Amino acid sequence: MIGMRVLVVGQGGREHALVEALHNADDHPEVFVTPGNPGMEEFAERVAIDPTDVESIVGWSRKNAIDFVVIGPESSLAVGLADGLREIGIAVLGPNAAGARLETSKCYSKELLKRLGLPTADFHVAKTPEEAEARVRDATYPLVLKADGLAAGKGVVIAENEKEAFSVIDAWMREGELGPAGQTLLIEEYLRGEEASILVLSDGERWMLFPPARDHKRIFDGDTGPNTGGMGACAPARVPSEAEAIAIAKRIVDPVLAALREEKNPYRGILYLGLMLTEKGPQVLEFNARFGDPEAQVVLPLLAEDPLPLLWNAALGRLPAERHATFMKYEGAAVCVVFASNGYPGRPVTGDYIEGLEGPWPHGIHVYHAGIDKHLGRWVTSGGRVLGVTARGMTLEGAREAAYSAASHIYFPGMQYRRDIALVPEPTTESSRGDES
C-alpha cells in the first residue's frame, strides 16, 4: 500500500480524526479531504468540492488517481457517492445508497429489524397526519417520534404528552418543517436503560469491532435539554463488556449483513449500532451507516494497530477470516468533550473568535476541528459543533481529567460544553437520539 492516495469525504470532527489516523498510518499515504476545514491542513490537502456532489468527486478522484475513499457523512452516502466511485473501480469504505437506507430511512431499518426478529422498541409507521394522530391519541407516554429521513439532528422528539405529540405531527407532516424527511413518521415505544454504541467494520460478510463507545446526545449536563449531534463521548464504555459486545454483534450484525447480501448489496463500511441496554436485554435504537461523531474522535486514537490495512481490506471485501468477530487492538481509554456555539442546537451563532487553539498540547491530547474556519489568520466559529477535545489515558477517569484540563484553555463567546462527559451514570438513564449535525 506504499504510495496509496486516499480521499476522506467530509469536513467535521469525525473526518479530522480519520484524516489524522490515515496520515499517521505506517505507509504514510498521501491524504486528501473534501472539503475539509483549515484544522486538517497539517494532515491532508483540501479539495473544494461539496461532499454531496457525486459527479465532481467521482471525476476528481479518477483524474487524480485516488486509490481509496473513506466517506464520512451520511448525506454523501444517501446520494450514492459510494455507488458512483465503485462504478469506476475505486475502493470505498461506505455502503451503497441501498445499504445506507439502514440510516437514511428509519422506517426501513425498523421493518428490517422486525422481519429478522431482532430486539427493538415496538413501533408504528404513519404516512398521514391523521394516521399519526390516531396512534398517539390515548397512547402511553413518553412516546418517541422520529422523522423517517435525514433531518440534520432535528428528527427525534420525546413527546411527554398528547399535546406535544400533536404539535410535532402538525409541524413535520402538515407544515413541512423537516421537508420530505418528516412526511413519514415513526412512532416508537419509549425505552429506559443505559445507552451504548458499537461500531462495526464490515466487509459485507466478516466484521470486526472498534472499542465500545458511549456518546452524550443532550446539550446540557445530566442528559437534559434538546437533542444534538453529540456533545461528547468516551471509550471503552463501561458497558457493554467486550464479551457482551461480541455477543450483541453476533446477534444483530450477522443477520443484517446476511439480509443485505441476499439483496445483492454487500455492506462494506462502518455499521454503527445505537443500543439501549434495558432490563430485558439490548435493544436496537438505530443504525448509522458510518462512523459516529464524536465516537470516531475517541475510538480512532485508541487503536494500537494500523487502521489503514483493515479499512482497505473491508472496502475490498477481504477482512482476514481469523479476525472475524474480534476487536481491533486498542490500549487505554479516551474521552472527548465537544464545544458548541452559542445558540446550538437551534440557531448557532458563528463568526466568533476562538482563543487557545494553538497549543502546544500535552501528549495524548487531540483537538479535532469541526465548525471552524480562519479569518485574518485567526480561528473563528463556523458551525454548531465547533471542536472536540480528546484525551487519552490509562483509565477513563484519567482521560476525563486530562480532557477537561485541556478544554479549560479554550474560549470563545457563548461557548457551550458539558461538564459530565464519562461520569459514572445513574442506574437508569433516559435519552433520545437523532442524526448528526
Protein backbone atom coordinates (compact mmCIF):
# COMPACT_ATOMS: atom_id res chain seq x y z
CA MET A 1 0.00 0.00 0.00
CA ILE A 2 3.04 2.23 -0.26
CA GLY A 3 2.24 5.29 -2.34
CA MET A 4 -1.51 4.98 -1.76
CA ARG A 5 -3.60 8.07 -2.41
CA VAL A 6 -6.57 8.36 -0.04
CA LEU A 7 -9.53 10.74 -0.11
CA VAL A 8 -11.62 11.42 3.00
CA VAL A 9 -15.04 12.95 2.32
CA GLY A 10 -16.43 15.40 4.88
CA GLN A 11 -15.47 18.39 6.98
CA GLY A 12 -16.24 17.76 10.66
CA GLY A 13 -14.55 16.39 13.74
CA ARG A 14 -15.13 12.81 12.60
CA GLU A 15 -13.30 13.49 9.36
CA HIS A 16 -10.48 15.29 11.19
CA ALA A 17 -9.96 12.15 13.29
CA LEU A 18 -10.00 9.98 10.17
CA VAL A 19 -7.59 12.24 8.29
CA GLU A 20 -5.12 12.22 11.19
CA ALA A 21 -5.35 8.45 11.68
CA LEU A 22 -4.78 7.77 7.98
CA HIS A 23 -1.96 10.31 7.73
CA ASN A 24 -0.20 8.52 10.58
CA ALA A 25 -0.61 5.05 9.02
CA ASP A 26 2.57 3.02 8.73
CA ASP A 27 2.82 3.51 4.95
CA HIS A 28 2.06 7.27 5.23
CA PRO A 29 -0.38 7.54 2.32
CA GLU A 30 -0.98 10.84 0.58
CA VAL A 31 -4.23 12.06 2.12
CA PHE A 32 -6.78 14.45 0.59
CA VAL A 33 -10.03 15.70 2.13
CA THR A 34 -13.09 17.27 0.56
CA PRO A 35 -13.97 19.85 1.58
CA GLY A 36 -12.28 19.56 4.98
CA ASN A 37 -11.58 22.55 7.19
CA PRO A 38 -8.44 24.57 7.97
CA GLY A 39 -7.64 22.49 11.03
CA MET A 40 -6.96 19.46 8.82
CA GLU A 41 -4.33 21.10 6.64
CA GLU A 42 -1.49 19.68 8.74
CA PHE A 43 -2.51 16.18 7.68
CA ALA A 44 -4.24 16.45 4.30
CA GLU A 45 -4.58 18.52 1.16
CA ARG A 46 -8.01 20.09 0.95
CA VAL A 47 -10.16 19.85 -2.18
CA ALA A 48 -13.01 22.33 -2.60
CA ILE A 49 -15.89 20.04 -3.58
CA ASP A 50 -19.22 19.70 -1.82
CA PRO A 51 -19.45 16.25 -0.19
CA THR A 52 -22.79 15.54 -1.91
CA ASP A 53 -21.54 16.47 -5.42
CA VAL A 54 -21.18 12.91 -6.67
CA GLU A 55 -20.24 13.76 -10.24
CA SER A 56 -17.47 16.16 -9.23
CA ILE A 57 -15.97 13.89 -6.56
CA VAL A 58 -16.01 10.89 -8.90
CA GLY A 59 -14.43 12.92 -11.69
CA TRP A 60 -11.78 14.43 -9.44
CA SER A 61 -10.93 11.03 -7.94
CA ARG A 62 -10.47 9.46 -11.36
CA LYS A 63 -8.39 12.36 -12.64
CA ASN A 64 -6.16 12.34 -9.55
CA ALA A 65 -5.64 8.56 -9.39
CA ILE A 66 -7.25 8.11 -5.98
CA ASP A 67 -6.91 4.54 -4.72
CA PHE A 68 -9.21 4.59 -1.71
CA VAL A 69 -12.08 6.77 -0.50
CA VAL A 70 -13.41 6.90 3.08
CA ILE A 71 -16.84 8.52 3.26
CA GLY A 72 -17.67 10.36 6.48
CA PRO A 73 -21.14 11.97 6.32
CA GLU A 74 -24.44 10.19 5.85
CA SER A 75 -25.53 12.82 3.32
CA SER A 76 -22.84 11.63 0.89
CA LEU A 77 -23.91 8.01 1.29
CA ALA A 78 -27.57 8.94 0.79
CA VAL A 79 -26.92 10.46 -2.64
CA GLY A 80 -24.98 7.42 -3.85
CA LEU A 81 -21.38 8.60 -3.70
CA ALA A 82 -20.15 5.09 -2.89
CA ASP A 83 -22.09 3.73 -5.89
CA GLY A 84 -20.50 6.25 -8.25
CA LEU A 85 -16.97 5.58 -7.04
CA ARG A 86 -17.34 1.81 -7.19
CA GLU A 87 -18.62 2.07 -10.75
CA ILE A 88 -15.21 3.40 -11.84
CA GLY A 89 -13.27 0.84 -9.81
CA ILE A 90 -12.25 2.88 -6.76
CA ALA A 91 -12.24 1.10 -3.40
CA VAL A 92 -14.70 2.75 -0.99
CA LEU A 93 -15.31 2.42 2.73
CA GLY A 94 -19.01 3.17 2.90
CA PRO A 95 -22.17 1.37 1.77
CA ASN A 96 -24.03 1.95 -1.44
CA ALA A 97 -27.17 4.07 -1.21
CA ALA A 98 -29.28 0.93 -0.83
CA GLY A 99 -27.26 -0.18 2.21
CA ALA A 100 -27.28 3.33 3.64
CA ARG A 101 -31.07 3.04 3.95
CA LEU A 102 -30.31 1.49 7.34
CA GLU A 103 -29.74 5.10 8.36
CA THR A 104 -31.46 7.21 5.75
CA SER A 105 -34.85 5.55 6.32
CA LYS A 106 -35.67 4.80 9.94
CA CYS A 107 -38.79 3.00 8.80
CA TYR A 108 -36.80 0.69 6.51
CA SER A 109 -34.38 -0.21 9.30
CA LYS A 110 -37.19 -0.85 11.80
CA GLU A 111 -39.07 -3.04 9.34
CA LEU A 112 -35.87 -4.98 8.68
CA LEU A 113 -35.30 -5.49 12.41
CA LYS A 114 -38.88 -6.70 12.77
CA ARG A 115 -38.59 -9.07 9.81
CA LEU A 116 -35.38 -10.55 11.21
CA GLY A 117 -36.84 -10.89 14.70
CA LEU A 118 -34.20 -8.64 16.25
CA PRO A 119 -34.76 -6.73 19.52
CA THR A 120 -36.04 -3.18 19.10
CA ALA A 121 -38.76 -0.95 20.51
CA ASP A 122 -42.34 -1.52 19.38
CA PHE A 123 -43.26 0.92 16.62
CA HIS A 124 -45.81 2.07 14.10
CA VAL A 125 -45.24 3.81 10.76
CA ALA A 126 -47.66 6.63 9.94
CA LYS A 127 -47.85 8.00 6.42
CA THR A 128 -50.50 10.68 7.02
CA PRO A 129 -51.03 13.14 9.88
CA GLU A 130 -54.44 11.64 10.55
CA GLU A 131 -52.95 8.17 10.93
CA ALA A 132 -50.27 9.55 13.25
CA GLU A 133 -52.82 11.36 15.41
CA ALA A 134 -54.89 8.22 15.74
CA ARG A 135 -51.82 6.33 17.02
CA VAL A 136 -50.72 8.93 19.58
CA ARG A 137 -54.22 9.63 20.93
CA ASP A 138 -54.59 7.96 24.33
CA ALA A 139 -51.12 6.38 23.96
CA THR A 140 -48.76 5.60 26.84
CA TYR A 141 -46.32 8.46 27.36
CA PRO A 142 -43.48 9.34 26.98
CA LEU A 143 -43.54 8.40 23.31
CA VAL A 144 -40.74 8.71 20.76
CA LEU A 145 -41.48 10.39 17.43
CA LYS A 146 -38.94 10.08 14.61
CA ALA A 147 -38.86 11.53 11.13
CA ASP A 148 -38.23 8.76 8.62
CA GLY A 149 -35.46 10.54 6.70
CA LEU A 150 -32.33 12.54 7.48
CA ALA A 151 -33.26 15.70 9.35
CA ALA A 152 -29.99 17.35 10.41
CA GLY A 153 -30.29 16.34 14.05
CA LYS A 154 -33.88 17.59 14.40
CA GLY A 155 -35.72 14.39 13.59
CA VAL A 156 -36.25 12.85 17.04
CA VAL A 157 -38.61 14.12 19.74
CA ILE A 158 -39.62 12.53 23.03
CA ALA A 159 -43.23 13.63 23.50
CA GLU A 160 -44.20 13.76 27.17
CA ASN A 161 -47.91 14.05 26.44
CA GLU A 162 -50.52 14.04 23.72
CA LYS A 163 -50.34 17.79 23.19
CA GLU A 164 -46.61 17.62 22.41
CA ALA A 165 -47.16 14.71 20.03
CA PHE A 166 -49.87 16.56 18.12
CA SER A 167 -47.61 19.61 17.87
CA VAL A 168 -44.83 17.52 16.28
CA ILE A 169 -47.26 15.94 13.83
CA ASP A 170 -48.51 19.37 12.77
CA ALA A 171 -45.00 20.80 12.39
CA TRP A 172 -43.49 17.90 10.48
CA MET A 173 -46.32 16.37 8.49
CA ARG A 174 -48.63 19.32 7.86
CA GLU A 175 -46.33 22.33 7.85
CA GLY A 176 -43.35 20.53 6.30
CA GLU A 177 -40.84 21.81 8.87
CA LEU A 178 -38.40 18.99 8.04
CA GLY A 179 -39.21 18.76 4.34
CA PRO A 180 -39.57 15.28 2.81
CA ALA A 181 -37.78 13.71 5.79
CA GLY A 182 -40.75 14.36 8.06
CA GLN A 183 -43.58 13.31 5.78
CA THR A 184 -43.48 9.76 7.13
CA LEU A 185 -43.44 9.39 10.90
CA LEU A 186 -42.09 6.58 13.05
CA ILE A 187 -43.89 6.31 16.39
CA GLU A 188 -41.89 4.28 18.91
CA GLU A 189 -42.21 2.86 22.38
CA TYR A 190 -40.02 4.77 24.85
CA LEU A 191 -37.19 2.64 26.25
CA ARG A 192 -35.41 3.07 29.57
CA GLY A 193 -31.89 1.91 30.29
CA GLU A 194 -28.31 2.86 29.51
CA GLU A 195 -27.15 3.79 26.02
CA ALA A 196 -24.17 2.21 24.29
CA SER A 197 -22.66 2.43 20.83
CA ILE A 198 -20.98 -0.41 18.96
CA LEU A 199 -19.03 0.49 15.82
CA VAL A 200 -18.59 -2.38 13.39
CA LEU A 201 -16.15 -2.59 10.48
CA SER A 202 -17.78 -4.81 7.85
CA ASP A 203 -16.57 -6.24 4.55
CA GLY A 204 -20.06 -7.48 3.72
CA GLU A 205 -19.67 -10.85 5.45
CA ARG A 206 -16.94 -10.66 8.08
CA TRP A 207 -16.72 -7.94 10.70
CA MET A 208 -14.56 -6.51 13.47
CA LEU A 209 -15.35 -4.20 16.36
CA PHE A 210 -13.90 -0.90 17.47
CA PRO A 211 -13.73 -0.27 21.23
CA PRO A 212 -17.25 0.08 22.70
CA ALA A 213 -18.15 3.76 22.97
CA ARG A 214 -20.78 5.93 24.56
CA ASP A 215 -21.89 9.31 23.32
CA HIS A 216 -23.90 12.02 25.09
CA LYS A 217 -26.64 13.48 22.91
CA ARG A 218 -28.39 16.11 25.04
CA ILE A 219 -27.00 19.63 25.16
CA PHE A 220 -26.87 20.04 28.95
CA ASP A 221 -25.40 18.15 31.89
CA GLY A 222 -27.42 15.26 33.23
CA ASP A 223 -28.73 14.42 29.75
CA THR A 224 -31.15 17.35 29.78
CA GLY A 225 -32.15 19.88 27.16
CA PRO A 226 -32.56 19.47 23.40
CA ASN A 227 -31.09 16.61 21.42
CA THR A 228 -27.89 17.31 19.48
CA GLY A 229 -25.50 15.60 17.12
CA GLY A 230 -23.37 14.65 20.14
CA MET A 231 -21.76 16.66 22.95
CA GLY A 232 -19.05 14.19 23.91
CA ALA A 233 -18.07 10.55 24.03
CA CYS A 234 -15.91 8.05 25.86
CA ALA A 235 -14.32 4.71 25.02
CA PRO A 236 -14.19 2.00 26.05
CA ALA A 237 -17.65 2.43 27.52
CA ARG A 238 -18.31 0.93 30.94
CA VAL A 239 -20.96 -1.25 29.32
CA PRO A 240 -21.18 -3.48 27.44
CA SER A 241 -18.12 -5.60 28.23
CA GLU A 242 -16.06 -6.91 25.32
CA ALA A 243 -17.68 -10.34 25.62
CA GLU A 244 -21.15 -8.77 25.72
CA ALA A 245 -20.35 -6.55 22.73
CA ILE A 246 -19.24 -9.56 20.67
CA ALA A 247 -22.41 -11.44 21.64
CA ILE A 248 -24.62 -8.45 20.75
CA ALA A 249 -22.87 -8.03 17.40
CA LYS A 250 -23.29 -11.72 16.56
CA ARG A 251 -26.98 -11.43 17.41
CA ILE A 252 -27.55 -8.26 15.38
CA VAL A 253 -24.85 -7.83 12.73
CA ASP A 254 -24.70 -11.33 11.24
CA PRO A 255 -28.40 -11.48 10.24
CA VAL A 256 -28.42 -7.87 8.99
CA LEU A 257 -25.38 -8.45 6.76
CA ALA A 258 -26.88 -11.71 5.51
CA ALA A 259 -30.13 -9.93 4.61
CA LEU A 260 -28.23 -7.29 2.64
CA ARG A 261 -26.21 -9.96 0.82
CA GLU A 262 -29.49 -11.61 -0.16
CA GLU A 263 -30.47 -8.26 -1.68
CA LYS A 264 -27.21 -8.39 -3.73
CA ASN A 265 -25.93 -5.43 -1.74
CA PRO A 266 -22.98 -6.45 0.47
CA TYR A 267 -22.39 -3.85 3.16
CA ARG A 268 -18.77 -2.65 3.08
CA GLY A 269 -18.22 0.11 5.57
CA ILE A 270 -18.93 1.13 9.14
CA LEU A 271 -22.15 -0.10 10.69
CA TYR A 272 -22.99 1.76 13.88
CA LEU A 273 -25.33 0.14 16.37
CA GLY A 274 -27.06 2.56 18.71
CA LEU A 275 -28.30 0.45 21.62
CA MET A 276 -30.36 0.81 24.78
CA LEU A 277 -29.32 -1.69 27.43
CA THR A 278 -32.63 -2.40 29.14
CA GLU A 279 -33.76 -4.79 31.85
CA LYS A 280 -34.99 -7.06 29.06
CA GLY A 281 -31.62 -7.00 27.28
CA PRO A 282 -30.06 -4.90 24.50
CA GLN A 283 -32.48 -3.16 22.15
CA VAL A 284 -31.51 -1.53 18.84
CA LEU A 285 -32.35 2.18 18.88
CA GLU A 286 -30.92 2.97 15.47
CA PHE A 287 -28.39 2.13 12.81
CA ASN A 288 -25.93 4.59 11.35
CA ALA A 289 -24.16 3.82 8.10
CA ARG A 290 -20.84 5.49 9.02
CA PHE A 291 -18.62 6.44 11.93
CA GLY A 292 -20.40 8.24 14.71
CA ASP A 293 -19.33 11.76 15.54
CA PRO A 294 -17.96 12.24 18.21
CA GLU A 295 -17.43 8.47 18.68
CA ALA A 296 -14.79 8.46 15.92
CA GLN A 297 -12.87 11.01 17.97
CA VAL A 298 -12.42 8.52 20.82
CA VAL A 299 -12.17 5.12 19.12
CA LEU A 300 -9.59 6.03 16.46
CA PRO A 301 -6.98 7.49 18.87
CA LEU A 302 -7.17 4.30 20.97
CA LEU A 303 -6.20 1.90 18.20
CA ALA A 304 -2.95 0.02 18.82
CA GLU A 305 -2.72 -1.27 15.27
CA ASP A 306 -2.58 0.46 11.90
CA PRO A 307 -6.19 1.09 10.81
CA LEU A 308 -5.43 1.60 7.12
CA PRO A 309 -4.97 -2.08 6.12
CA LEU A 310 -8.16 -3.04 7.96
CA LEU A 311 -10.25 -0.26 6.39
CA TRP A 312 -8.78 -1.03 2.97
CA ASN A 313 -9.47 -4.75 3.21
CA ALA A 314 -13.01 -4.14 4.42
CA ALA A 315 -13.61 -1.95 1.37
CA LEU A 316 -12.37 -4.80 -0.86
CA GLY A 317 -14.44 -7.47 0.90
CA ARG A 318 -11.48 -9.34 2.33
CA LEU A 319 -11.08 -8.86 6.06
CA PRO A 320 -8.88 -11.68 7.40
CA ALA A 321 -11.00 -14.68 8.35
CA GLU A 322 -9.14 -15.06 11.64
CA ARG A 323 -10.10 -11.51 12.65
CA HIS A 324 -13.84 -12.08 12.16
CA ALA A 325 -15.92 -11.26 15.28
CA THR A 326 -12.91 -9.88 17.15
CA PHE A 327 -11.90 -6.50 18.50
CA MET A 328 -9.33 -4.28 16.90
CA LYS A 329 -6.30 -3.93 19.13
CA TYR A 330 -6.57 -0.90 21.39
CA GLU A 331 -4.99 0.46 24.54
CA GLY A 332 -6.17 2.68 27.36
CA ALA A 333 -9.21 4.94 27.34
CA ALA A 334 -10.29 8.18 25.68
CA VAL A 335 -12.73 10.98 26.46
CA CYS A 336 -13.93 13.66 24.03
CA VAL A 337 -15.55 16.92 25.11
CA VAL A 338 -17.39 18.80 22.35
CA PHE A 339 -17.58 22.60 22.29
CA ALA A 340 -20.70 24.08 20.65
CA SER A 341 -21.58 27.58 19.54
CA ASN A 342 -23.93 29.86 21.41
CA GLY A 343 -27.49 29.03 20.31
CA TYR A 344 -26.77 25.44 19.30
CA PRO A 345 -28.70 23.25 18.53
CA GLY A 346 -31.30 25.82 17.47
CA ARG A 347 -29.68 28.75 15.69
CA PRO A 348 -25.94 28.63 16.34
CA VAL A 349 -24.00 31.90 16.37
CA THR A 350 -20.96 31.87 14.08
CA GLY A 351 -18.04 34.17 13.37
CA ASP A 352 -16.77 34.37 16.98
CA TYR A 353 -13.01 34.32 17.51
CA ILE A 354 -11.62 31.28 19.32
CA GLU A 355 -8.76 31.62 21.78
CA GLY A 356 -6.38 28.92 22.97
CA LEU A 357 -6.30 26.57 19.99
CA GLU A 358 -2.63 26.88 19.18
CA GLY A 359 -1.37 24.63 22.00
CA PRO A 360 1.16 23.13 22.39
CA TRP A 361 -0.88 20.28 23.79
CA PRO A 362 0.39 17.60 26.18
CA HIS A 363 0.98 14.08 24.86
CA GLY A 364 -2.31 12.25 24.31
CA ILE A 365 -4.39 15.37 23.58
CA HIS A 366 -6.08 15.75 20.21
CA VAL A 367 -8.12 18.79 19.22
CA TYR A 368 -10.40 17.89 16.33
CA HIS A 369 -11.81 20.79 14.35
CA ALA A 370 -15.41 20.75 13.12
CA GLY A 371 -17.31 24.04 12.74
CA ILE A 372 -14.15 26.11 12.45
CA ASP A 373 -12.69 28.49 9.87
CA LYS A 374 -9.94 31.09 9.70
CA HIS A 375 -10.42 34.84 9.31
CA LEU A 376 -7.45 37.18 9.05
CA GLY A 377 -5.23 34.46 10.46
CA ARG A 378 -7.43 33.80 13.50
CA TRP A 379 -9.68 30.83 14.26
CA VAL A 380 -13.41 31.58 14.15
CA THR A 381 -16.55 29.53 14.70
CA SER A 382 -18.39 28.49 11.55
CA GLY A 383 -20.92 25.91 12.73
CA GLY A 384 -22.92 24.48 15.60
CA ARG A 385 -20.48 21.92 16.94
CA VAL A 386 -17.16 23.72 16.81
CA LEU A 387 -14.47 21.33 18.03
CA GLY A 388 -13.79 18.26 20.13
CA VAL A 389 -11.05 17.96 22.74
CA THR A 390 -9.99 14.33 23.07
CA ALA A 391 -7.62 12.98 25.71
CA ARG A 392 -6.13 9.52 26.02
CA GLY A 393 -5.25 7.96 29.36
CA MET A 394 -4.73 4.63 31.03
CA THR A 395 -8.23 4.85 32.57
CA LEU A 396 -11.47 6.66 31.78
CA GLU A 397 -11.02 8.73 34.92
CA GLY A 398 -7.52 9.79 33.88
CA ALA A 399 -8.62 10.56 30.32
CA ARG A 400 -11.57 12.56 31.60
CA GLU A 401 -9.34 14.68 33.87
CA ALA A 402 -6.91 15.34 31.02
CA ALA A 403 -9.67 16.25 28.57
CA TYR A 404 -11.22 18.83 30.88
CA SER A 405 -7.80 20.23 31.77
CA ALA A 406 -7.08 20.81 28.08
CA ALA A 407 -10.60 22.15 27.49
CA SER A 408 -10.06 24.83 30.14
CA HIS A 409 -7.57 26.59 27.84
CA ILE A 410 -10.12 27.20 25.06
CA TYR A 411 -12.53 30.12 24.98
CA PHE A 412 -15.00 31.79 22.64
CA PRO A 413 -18.09 33.88 23.46
CA GLY A 414 -21.17 31.89 24.41
CA MET A 415 -19.43 28.54 24.12
CA GLN A 416 -21.27 25.50 25.43
CA TYR A 417 -19.83 22.22 26.66
CA ARG A 418 -20.92 19.58 29.09
CA ARG A 419 -19.08 19.03 32.37
CA ASP A 420 -20.26 15.45 32.90
CA ILE A 421 -18.88 13.51 29.95
CA ALA A 422 -17.80 9.99 31.02
CA LEU A 423 -19.06 10.32 34.58
CA VAL A 424 -20.47 7.14 36.10
CA PRO A 425 -24.16 7.20 35.00
CA GLU A 426 -27.16 6.79 37.23
CA PRO A 427 -28.53 3.21 37.30
CA THR A 428 -31.31 4.18 34.89
CA THR A 429 -30.94 6.86 32.24
CA GLU A 430 -33.29 8.29 29.67
CA SER A 431 -32.22 9.64 26.32
CA SER A 432 -33.19 10.34 22.75
CA ARG A 433 -31.19 10.03 19.60
CA GLY A 434 -31.11 11.70 16.23
CA ASP A 435 -28.92 12.07 13.18
CA GLU A 436 -25.94 14.37 13.46
CA SER A 437 -25.37 18.00 12.62
